[in-house]
Amino acid sequence: LSAWVARSITGAIAFQVNERNPRPEFWVNGIW
């Protein structure tokens, strides 16, 4: 029926992992 594509604002890959990632299932949260 329809489709869309979008991009987020640009961030960066961190130099260390966020060990307190509140949503660990989405692992990119820990480094974006």
PDB file of all heavy atoms in Angstrom:
ATOM      1  N   LEU A   1       0.815  -1.212   0.000  1.00  0.00           N
ATOM      2  CA  LEU A   1       0.000   0.000   0.000  1.00  0.00           C
ATOM      3  C   LEU A   1       0.849   1.264   0.000  1.00  0.00           C
ATOM      4  O   LEU A   1       0.570   2.210  -0.744  1.00  0.00           O
ATOM      5  CB  LEU A   1      -0.923   0.020   1.227  1.00  0.00           C
ATOM      6  CG  LEU A   1      -1.965  -1.089   1.327  1.00  0.00           C
ATOM      7  CD1 LEU A   1      -2.784  -0.922   2.601  1.00  0.00           C
ATOM      8  CD2 LEU A   1      -2.880  -1.073   0.110  1.00  0.00           C
ATOM      9  N   SER A   2       1.867   1.288   0.837  1.00  0.00           N
ATOM     10  CA  SER A   2       2.742   2.461   0.888  1.00  0.00           C
ATOM     11  C   SER A   2       4.011   2.109   1.655  1.00  0.00           C
ATOM     12  O   SER A   2       4.055   1.125   2.405  1.00  0.00           O
ATOM     13  CB  SER A   2       2.018   3.633   1.573  1.00  0.00           C
ATOM     14  OG  SER A   2       2.713   4.846   1.344  1.00  0.00           O
ATOM     15  N   ALA A   3       5.032   2.935   1.466  1.00  0.00           N
ATOM     16  CA  ALA A   3       6.298   2.706   2.164  1.00  0.00           C
ATOM     17  C   ALA A   3       7.035   4.030   2.305  1.00  0.00           C
ATOM     18  O   ALA A   3       6.847   4.953   1.500  1.00  0.00           O
ATOM     19  CB  ALA A   3       7.156   1.695   1.404  1.00  0.00           C
ATOM     20  N   TRP A   4       7.871   4.110   3.321  1.00  0.00           N
ATOM     21  CA  TRP A   4       8.613   5.327   3.627  1.00  0.00           C
ATOM     22  C   TRP A   4      10.023   4.957   4.089  1.00  0.00           C
ATOM     23  O   TRP A   4      10.260   3.841   4.564  1.00  0.00           O
ATOM     24  CB  TRP A   4       7.940   6.103   4.767  1.00  0.00           C
ATOM     25  CG  TRP A   4       6.479   6.357   4.579  1.00  0.00           C
ATOM     26  CD1 TRP A   4       5.884   7.487   4.102  1.00  0.00           C
ATOM     27  CD2 TRP A   4       5.396   5.451   4.868  1.00  0.00           C
ATOM     28  NE1 TRP A   4       4.518   7.350   4.076  1.00  0.00           N
ATOM     29  CE2 TRP A   4       4.189   6.107   4.534  1.00  0.00           C
ATOM     30  CE3 TRP A   4       5.340   4.136   5.369  1.00  0.00           C
ATOM     31  CZ2 TRP A   4       2.936   5.519   4.692  1.00  0.00           C
ATOM     32  CZ3 TRP A   4       4.103   3.535   5.521  1.00  0.00           C
ATOM     33  CH2 TRP A   4       2.909   4.221   5.188  1.00  0.00           C
ATOM     34  N   VAL A   5      10.940   5.903   3.969  1.00  0.00           N
ATOM     35  CA  VAL A   5      12.277   5.707   4.501  1.00  0.00           C
ATOM     36  C   VAL A   5      12.724   7.025   5.130  1.00  0.00           C
ATOM     37  O   VAL A   5      12.398   8.102   4.633  1.00  0.00           O
ATOM     38  CB  VAL A   5      13.274   5.246   3.410  1.00  0.00           C
ATOM     39  CG1 VAL A   5      13.457   6.305   2.338  1.00  0.00           C
ATOM     40  CG2 VAL A   5      14.607   4.860   4.018  1.00  0.00           C
ATOM     41  N   ALA A   6      13.419   6.919   6.258  1.00  0.00           N
ATOM     42  CA  ALA A   6      13.857   8.127   6.963  1.00  0.00           C
ATOM     43  C   ALA A   6      15.218   7.869   7.600  1.00  0.00           C
ATOM     44  O   ALA A   6      15.580   6.729   7.907  1.00  0.00           O
ATOM     45  CB  ALA A   6      12.847   8.520   8.036  1.00  0.00           C
ATOM     46  N   ARG A   7      15.955   8.959   7.800  1.00  0.00           N
ATOM     47  CA  ARG A   7      17.235   8.862   8.489  1.00  0.00           C
ATOM     48  C   ARG A   7      17.198   9.711   9.746  1.00  0.00           C
ATOM     49  O   ARG A   7      16.487  10.717   9.824  1.00  0.00           O
ATOM     50  CB  ARG A   7      18.401   9.298   7.607  1.00  0.00           C
ATOM     51  CG  ARG A   7      18.349  10.703   7.094  1.00  0.00           C
ATOM     52  CD  ARG A   7      19.680  11.135   6.500  1.00  0.00           C
ATOM     53  NE  ARG A   7      20.688  11.393   7.527  1.00  0.00           N
ATOM     54  CZ  ARG A   7      21.946  11.725   7.276  1.00  0.00           C
ATOM     55  NH1 ARG A   7      22.356  11.834   6.023  1.00  0.00           N
ATOM     56  NH2 ARG A   7      22.794  11.954   8.244  1.00  0.00           N
ATOM     57  N   SER A   8      17.945   9.289  10.713  1.00  0.00           N
ATOM     58  CA  SER A   8      18.034  10.030  11.964  1.00  0.00           C
ATOM     59  C   SER A   8      18.989  11.206  11.813  1.00  0.00           C
ATOM     60  O   SER A   8      19.669  11.354  10.791  1.00  0.00           O
ATOM     61  CB  SER A   8      18.569   9.112  13.063  1.00  0.00           C
ATOM     62  OG  SER A   8      19.950   8.844  12.817  1.00  0.00           O
ATOM     63  N   ILE A   9      19.079  12.004  12.845  1.00  0.00           N
ATOM     64  CA  ILE A   9      20.119  13.010  12.917  1.00  0.00           C
ATOM     65  C   ILE A   9      21.453  12.285  13.076  1.00  0.00           C
ATOM     66  O   ILE A   9      21.503  11.135  13.530  1.00  0.00           O
ATOM     67  CB  ILE A   9      19.860  13.967  14.102  1.00  0.00           C
ATOM     68  CG1 ILE A   9      20.703  15.231  13.959  1.00  0.00           C
ATOM     69  CG2 ILE A   9      20.091  13.268  15.434  1.00  0.00           C
ATOM     70  CD1 ILE A   9      20.284  16.337  14.911  1.00  0.00           C
ATOM     71  N   THR A  10      22.533  12.909  12.669  1.00  0.00           N
ATOM     72  CA  THR A  10      23.841  12.264  12.724  1.00  0.00           C
ATOM     73  C   THR A  10      24.444  12.354  14.117  1.00  0.00           C
ATOM     74  O   THR A  10      24.448  13.404  14.750  1.00  0.00           O
ATOM     75  CB  THR A  10      24.806  12.901  11.715  1.00  0.00           C
ATOM     76  OG1 THR A  10      24.267  12.748  10.396  1.00  0.00           O
ATOM     77  CG2 THR A  10      26.181  12.235  11.776  1.00  0.00           C
ATOM     78  N   GLY A  11      24.936  11.217  14.580  1.00  0.00           N
ATOM     79  CA  GLY A  11      25.670  11.155  15.836  1.00  0.00           C
ATOM     80  C   GLY A  11      27.057  10.602  15.561  1.00  0.00           C
ATOM     81  O   GLY A  11      27.606  10.826  14.479  1.00  0.00           O
ATOM     82  N   ALA A  12      27.606   9.884  16.502  1.00  0.00           N
ATOM     83  CA  ALA A  12      28.942   9.309  16.329  1.00  0.00           C
ATOM     84  C   ALA A  12      29.035   7.990  17.076  1.00  0.00           C
ATOM     85  O   ALA A  12      28.229   7.708  17.969  1.00  0.00           O
ATOM     86  CB  ALA A  12      30.004  10.282  16.848  1.00  0.00           C
ATOM     87  N   ILE A  13      30.009   7.193  16.688  1.00  0.00           N
ATOM     88  CA  ILE A  13      30.292   5.974  17.418  1.00  0.00           C
ATOM     89  C   ILE A  13      31.213   6.336  18.584  1.00  0.00           C
ATOM     90  O   ILE A  13      32.280   6.913  18.378  1.00  0.00           O
ATOM     91  CB  ILE A  13      30.967   4.915  16.518  1.00  0.00           C
ATOM     92  CG1 ILE A  13      30.073   4.594  15.318  1.00  0.00           C
ATOM     93  CG2 ILE A  13      31.249   3.647  17.326  1.00  0.00           C
ATOM     94  CD1 ILE A  13      28.692   4.084  15.659  1.00  0.00           C
ATOM     95  N   ALA A  14      30.781   6.027  19.794  1.00  0.00           N
ATOM     96  CA  ALA A  14      31.541   6.386  20.990  1.00  0.00           C
ATOM     97  C   ALA A  14      32.850   5.602  21.052  1.00  0.00           C
ATOM     98  O   ALA A  14      33.076   4.656  20.286  1.00  0.00           O
ATOM     99  CB  ALA A  14      30.710   6.106  22.236  1.00  0.00           C
ATOM    100  N   PHE A  15      33.712   5.994  21.978  1.00  0.00           N
ATOM    101  CA  PHE A  15      34.979   5.287  22.169  1.00  0.00           C
ATOM    102  C   PHE A  15      34.868   4.216  23.251  1.00  0.00           C
ATOM    103  O   PHE A  15      35.789   3.418  23.426  1.00  0.00           O
ATOM    104  CB  PHE A  15      36.096   6.278  22.528  1.00  0.00           C
ATOM    105  CG  PHE A  15      36.580   7.072  21.342  1.00  0.00           C
ATOM    106  CD1 PHE A  15      36.042   8.321  21.072  1.00  0.00           C
ATOM    107  CD2 PHE A  15      37.538   6.557  20.481  1.00  0.00           C
ATOM    108  CE1 PHE A  15      36.475   9.058  19.978  1.00  0.00           C
ATOM    109  CE2 PHE A  15      37.975   7.286  19.383  1.00  0.00           C
ATOM    110  CZ  PHE A  15      37.441   8.540  19.131  1.00  0.00           C
ATOM    111  N   GLN A  16      33.765   4.233  23.978  1.00  0.00           N
ATOM    112  CA  GLN A  16      33.556   3.179  24.963  1.00  0.00           C
ATOM    113  C   GLN A  16      32.075   2.836  25.045  1.00  0.00           C
ATOM    114  O   GLN A  16      31.217   3.651  24.698  1.00  0.00           O
ATOM    115  CB  GLN A  16      34.065   3.601  26.342  1.00  0.00           C
ATOM    116  CG  GLN A  16      33.401   4.826  26.931  1.00  0.00           C
ATOM    117  CD  GLN A  16      34.028   5.235  28.249  1.00  0.00           C
ATOM    118  OE1 GLN A  16      35.182   4.910  28.530  1.00  0.00           O
ATOM    119  NE2 GLN A  16      33.277   5.958  29.070  1.00  0.00           N
ATOM    120  N   VAL A  17      31.788   1.637  25.486  1.00  0.00           N
ATOM    121  CA  VAL A  17      30.415   1.140  25.550  1.00  0.00           C
ATOM    122  C   VAL A  17      29.708   1.704  26.782  1.00  0.00           C
ATOM    123  O   VAL A  17      30.284   1.770  27.862  1.00  0.00           O
ATOM    124  CB  VAL A  17      30.396  -0.400  25.600  1.00  0.00           C
ATOM    125  CG1 VAL A  17      28.966  -0.922  25.736  1.00  0.00           C
ATOM    126  CG2 VAL A  17      31.059  -0.984  24.358  1.00  0.00           C
ATOM    127  N   ASN A  18      28.478   2.118  26.588  1.00  0.00           N
ATOM    128  CA  ASN A  18      27.640   2.536  27.710  1.00  0.00           C
ATOM    129  C   ASN A  18      27.117   1.288  28.409  1.00  0.00           C
ATOM    130  O   ASN A  18      26.188   0.646  27.926  1.00  0.00           O
ATOM    131  CB  ASN A  18      26.472   3.388  27.211  1.00  0.00           C
ATOM    132  CG  ASN A  18      25.540   3.817  28.327  1.00  0.00           C
ATOM    133  OD1 ASN A  18      25.900   3.742  29.505  1.00  0.00           O
ATOM    134  ND2 ASN A  18      24.347   4.264  27.963  1.00  0.00           N
ATOM    135  N   GLU A  19      27.710   0.946  29.530  1.00  0.00           N
ATOM    136  CA  GLU A  19      27.332  -0.269  30.242  1.00  0.00           C
ATOM    137  C   GLU A  19      25.970  -0.138  30.910  1.00  0.00           C
ATOM    138  O   GLU A  19      25.396  -1.129  31.360  1.00  0.00           O
ATOM    139  CB  GLU A  19      28.392  -0.611  31.299  1.00  0.00           C
ATOM    140  CG  GLU A  19      29.784  -0.818  30.730  1.00  0.00           C
ATOM    141  CD  GLU A  19      29.884  -2.033  29.819  1.00  0.00           C
ATOM    142  OE1 GLU A  19      28.936  -2.841  29.797  1.00  0.00           O
ATOM    143  OE2 GLU A  19      30.918  -2.172  29.127  1.00  0.00           O
ATOM    144  N   ARG A  20      25.455   1.091  30.982  1.00  0.00           N
ATOM    145  CA  ARG A  20      24.139   1.311  31.601  1.00  0.00           C
ATOM    146  C   ARG A  20      23.072   1.573  30.536  1.00  0.00           C
ATOM    147  O   ARG A  20      22.147   2.344  30.758  1.00  0.00           O
ATOM    148  CB  ARG A  20      24.212   2.470  32.593  1.00  0.00           C
ATOM    149  CG  ARG A  20      25.095   2.166  33.802  1.00  0.00           C
ATOM    150  CD  ARG A  20      25.139   3.343  34.762  1.00  0.00           C
ATOM    151  NE  ARG A  20      25.840   4.489  34.183  1.00  0.00           N
ATOM    152  CZ  ARG A  20      25.982   5.663  34.797  1.00  0.00           C
ATOM    153  NH1 ARG A  20      25.468   5.851  35.994  1.00  0.00           N
ATOM    154  NH2 ARG A  20      26.637   6.651  34.208  1.00  0.00           N
ATOM    155  N   ASN A  21      23.223   0.938  29.409  1.00  0.00           N
ATOM    156  CA  ASN A  21      22.270   1.056  28.313  1.00  0.00           C
ATOM    157  C   ASN A  21      20.877   0.657  28.812  1.00  0.00           C
ATOM    158  O   ASN A  21      20.664  -0.491  29.197  1.00  0.00           O
ATOM    159  CB  ASN A  21      22.706   0.150  27.162  1.00  0.00           C
ATOM    160  CG  ASN A  21      21.757   0.205  25.977  1.00  0.00           C
ATOM    161  OD1 ASN A  21      20.806   0.975  25.944  1.00  0.00           O
ATOM    162  ND2 ASN A  21      22.017  -0.645  24.988  1.00  0.00           N
ATOM    163  N   PRO A  22      19.909   1.587  28.818  1.00  0.00           N
ATOM    164  CA  PRO A  22      18.573   1.268  29.337  1.00  0.00           C
ATOM    165  C   PRO A  22      17.768   0.320  28.454  1.00  0.00           C
ATOM    166  O   PRO A  22      16.766  -0.227  28.890  1.00  0.00           O
ATOM    167  CB  PRO A  22      17.901   2.644  29.427  1.00  0.00           C
ATOM    168  CG  PRO A  22      18.580   3.461  28.373  1.00  0.00           C
ATOM    169  CD  PRO A  22      20.011   2.989  28.376  1.00  0.00           C
ATOM    170  N   ARG A  23      18.195   0.153  27.201  1.00  0.00           N
ATOM    171  CA  ARG A  23      17.494  -0.752  26.291  1.00  0.00           C
ATOM    172  C   ARG A  23      18.518  -1.654  25.614  1.00  0.00           C
ATOM    173  O   ARG A  23      18.826  -1.515  24.436  1.00  0.00           O
ATOM    174  CB  ARG A  23      16.710   0.063  25.256  1.00  0.00           C
ATOM    175  CG  ARG A  23      15.571   0.858  25.857  1.00  0.00           C
ATOM    176  CD  ARG A  23      15.103   1.966  24.937  1.00  0.00           C
ATOM    177  NE  ARG A  23      14.591   1.468  23.669  1.00  0.00           N
ATOM    178  CZ  ARG A  23      14.265   2.262  22.647  1.00  0.00           C
ATOM    179  NH1 ARG A  23      14.403   3.563  22.747  1.00  0.00           N
ATOM    180  NH2 ARG A  23      13.812   1.751  21.532  1.00  0.00           N
ATOM    181  N   PRO A  24      19.074  -2.595  26.368  1.00  0.00           N
ATOM    182  CA  PRO A  24      20.166  -3.431  25.850  1.00  0.00           C
ATOM    183  C   PRO A  24      19.794  -4.302  24.657  1.00  0.00           C
ATOM    184  O   PRO A  24      20.667  -4.740  23.909  1.00  0.00           O
ATOM    185  CB  PRO A  24      20.547  -4.286  27.061  1.00  0.00           C
ATOM    186  CG  PRO A  24      19.326  -4.306  27.927  1.00  0.00           C
ATOM    187  CD  PRO A  24      18.711  -2.950  27.757  1.00  0.00           C
ATOM    188  N   GLU A  25      18.472  -4.549  24.443  1.00  0.00           N
ATOM    189  CA  GLU A  25      18.075  -5.371  23.295  1.00  0.00           C
ATOM    190  C   GLU A  25      18.480  -4.699  21.986  1.00  0.00           C
ATOM    191  O   GLU A  25      18.772  -5.362  20.997  1.00  0.00           O
ATOM    192  CB  GLU A  25      16.554  -5.604  23.309  1.00  0.00           C
ATOM    193  CG  GLU A  25      16.032  -6.298  24.548  1.00  0.00           C
ATOM    194  CD  GLU A  25      15.696  -5.316  25.664  1.00  0.00           C
ATOM    195  OE1 GLU A  25      15.966  -4.106  25.489  1.00  0.00           O
ATOM    196  OE2 GLU A  25      15.184  -5.749  26.701  1.00  0.00           O
ATOM    197  N   PHE A  26      18.477  -3.354  21.995  1.00  0.00           N
ATOM    198  CA  PHE A  26      18.914  -2.589  20.823  1.00  0.00           C
ATOM    199  C   PHE A  26      20.365  -2.207  21.100  1.00  0.00           C
ATOM    200  O   PHE A  26      20.656  -1.147  21.641  1.00  0.00           O
ATOM    201  CB  PHE A  26      18.027  -1.350  20.652  1.00  0.00           C
ATOM    202  CG  PHE A  26      18.371  -0.507  19.454  1.00  0.00           C
ATOM    203  CD1 PHE A  26      18.636  -1.083  18.225  1.00  0.00           C
ATOM    204  CD2 PHE A  26      18.417   0.869  19.557  1.00  0.00           C
ATOM    205  CE1 PHE A  26      18.947  -0.297  17.119  1.00  0.00           C
ATOM    206  CE2 PHE A  26      18.719   1.673  18.456  1.00  0.00           C
ATOM    207  CZ  PHE A  26      18.984   1.076  17.238  1.00  0.00           C
ATOM    208  N   TRP A  27      21.282  -3.060  20.705  1.00  0.00           N
ATOM    209  CA  TRP A  27      22.661  -2.937  21.158  1.00  0.00           C
ATOM    210  C   TRP A  27      23.360  -1.673  20.658  1.00  0.00           C
ATOM    211  O   TRP A  27      24.299  -1.184  21.282  1.00  0.00           O
ATOM    212  CB  TRP A  27      23.472  -4.174  20.769  1.00  0.00           C
ATOM    213  CG  TRP A  27      23.632  -4.443  19.309  1.00  0.00           C
ATOM    214  CD1 TRP A  27      22.831  -5.208  18.523  1.00  0.00           C
ATOM    215  CD2 TRP A  27      24.681  -3.960  18.454  1.00  0.00           C
ATOM    216  NE1 TRP A  27      23.312  -5.236  17.226  1.00  0.00           N
ATOM    217  CE2 TRP A  27      24.449  -4.483  17.158  1.00  0.00           C
ATOM    218  CE3 TRP A  27      25.803  -3.153  18.660  1.00  0.00           C
ATOM    219  CZ2 TRP A  27      25.278  -4.208  16.079  1.00  0.00           C
ATOM    220  CZ3 TRP A  27      26.631  -2.875  17.585  1.00  0.00           C
ATOM    221  CH2 TRP A  27      26.369  -3.402  16.314  1.00  0.00           C
ATOM    222  N   VAL A  28      22.880  -1.096  19.551  1.00  0.00           N
ATOM    223  CA  VAL A  28      23.482   0.136  19.037  1.00  0.00           C
ATOM    224  C   VAL A  28      23.345   1.274  20.053  1.00  0.00           C
ATOM    225  O   VAL A  28      24.153   2.201  20.077  1.00  0.00           O
ATOM    226  CB  VAL A  28      22.848   0.508  17.680  1.00  0.00           C
ATOM    227  CG1 VAL A  28      23.310   1.885  17.205  1.00  0.00           C
ATOM    228  CG2 VAL A  28      23.214  -0.544  16.628  1.00  0.00           C
ATOM    229  N   ASN A  29      22.316   1.206  20.899  1.00  0.00           N
ATOM    230  CA  ASN A  29      22.148   2.214  21.953  1.00  0.00           C
ATOM    231  C   ASN A  29      23.401   2.388  22.795  1.00  0.00           C
ATOM    232  O   ASN A  29      23.654   3.457  23.338  1.00  0.00           O
ATOM    233  CB  ASN A  29      21.008   1.806  22.894  1.00  0.00           C
ATOM    234  CG  ASN A  29      19.644   2.213  22.365  1.00  0.00           C
ATOM    235  OD1 ASN A  29      19.541   2.946  21.406  1.00  0.00           O
ATOM    236  ND2 ASN A  29      18.600   1.727  23.002  1.00  0.00           N
ATOM    237  N   GLY A  30      24.148   1.319  22.930  1.00  0.00           N
ATOM    238  CA  GLY A  30      25.313   1.338  23.810  1.00  0.00           C
ATOM    239  C   GLY A  30      26.545   2.004  23.227  1.00  0.00           C
ATOM    240  O   GLY A  30      27.536   2.211  23.947  1.00  0.00           O
ATOM    241  N   ILE A  31      26.494   2.384  21.937  1.00  0.00           N
ATOM    242  CA  ILE A  31      27.675   2.997  21.319  1.00  0.00           C
ATOM    243  C   ILE A  31      27.360   4.212  20.456  1.00  0.00           C
ATOM    244  O   ILE A  31      28.259   4.956  20.081  1.00  0.00           O
ATOM    245  CB  ILE A  31      28.453   1.977  20.453  1.00  0.00           C
ATOM    246  CG1 ILE A  31      27.509   1.295  19.461  1.00  0.00           C
ATOM    247  CG2 ILE A  31      29.194   0.983  21.316  1.00  0.00           C
ATOM    248  CD1 ILE A  31      28.213   0.428  18.452  1.00  0.00           C
ATOM    249  N   TRP A  32      26.084   4.428  20.140  1.00  0.00           N
ATOM    250  CA  TRP A  32      25.686   5.570  19.311  1.00  0.00           C
ATOM    251  C   TRP A  32      25.581   6.783  20.225  1.00  0.00           C
ATOM    252  O   TRP A  32      24.780   6.805  21.158  1.00  0.00           O
ATOM    253  CB  TRP A  32      24.367   5.267  18.622  1.00  0.00           C
ATOM    254  CG  TRP A  32      23.997   6.237  17.550  1.00  0.00           C
ATOM    255  CD1 TRP A  32      24.808   7.137  16.918  1.00  0.00           C
ATOM    256  CD2 TRP A  32      22.692   6.389  16.987  1.00  0.00           C
ATOM    257  NE1 TRP A  32      24.081   7.847  15.991  1.00  0.00           N
ATOM    258  CE2 TRP A  32      22.787   7.409  16.012  1.00  0.00           C
ATOM    259  CE3 TRP A  32      21.475   5.764  17.200  1.00  0.00           C
ATOM    260  CZ2 TRP A  32      21.688   7.819  15.264  1.00  0.00           C
ATOM    261  CZ3 TRP A  32      20.384   6.170  16.458  1.00  0.00           C
ATOM    262  CH2 TRP A  32      20.492   7.187  15.497  1.00  0.00           C
TER     263      TRP A  32
END
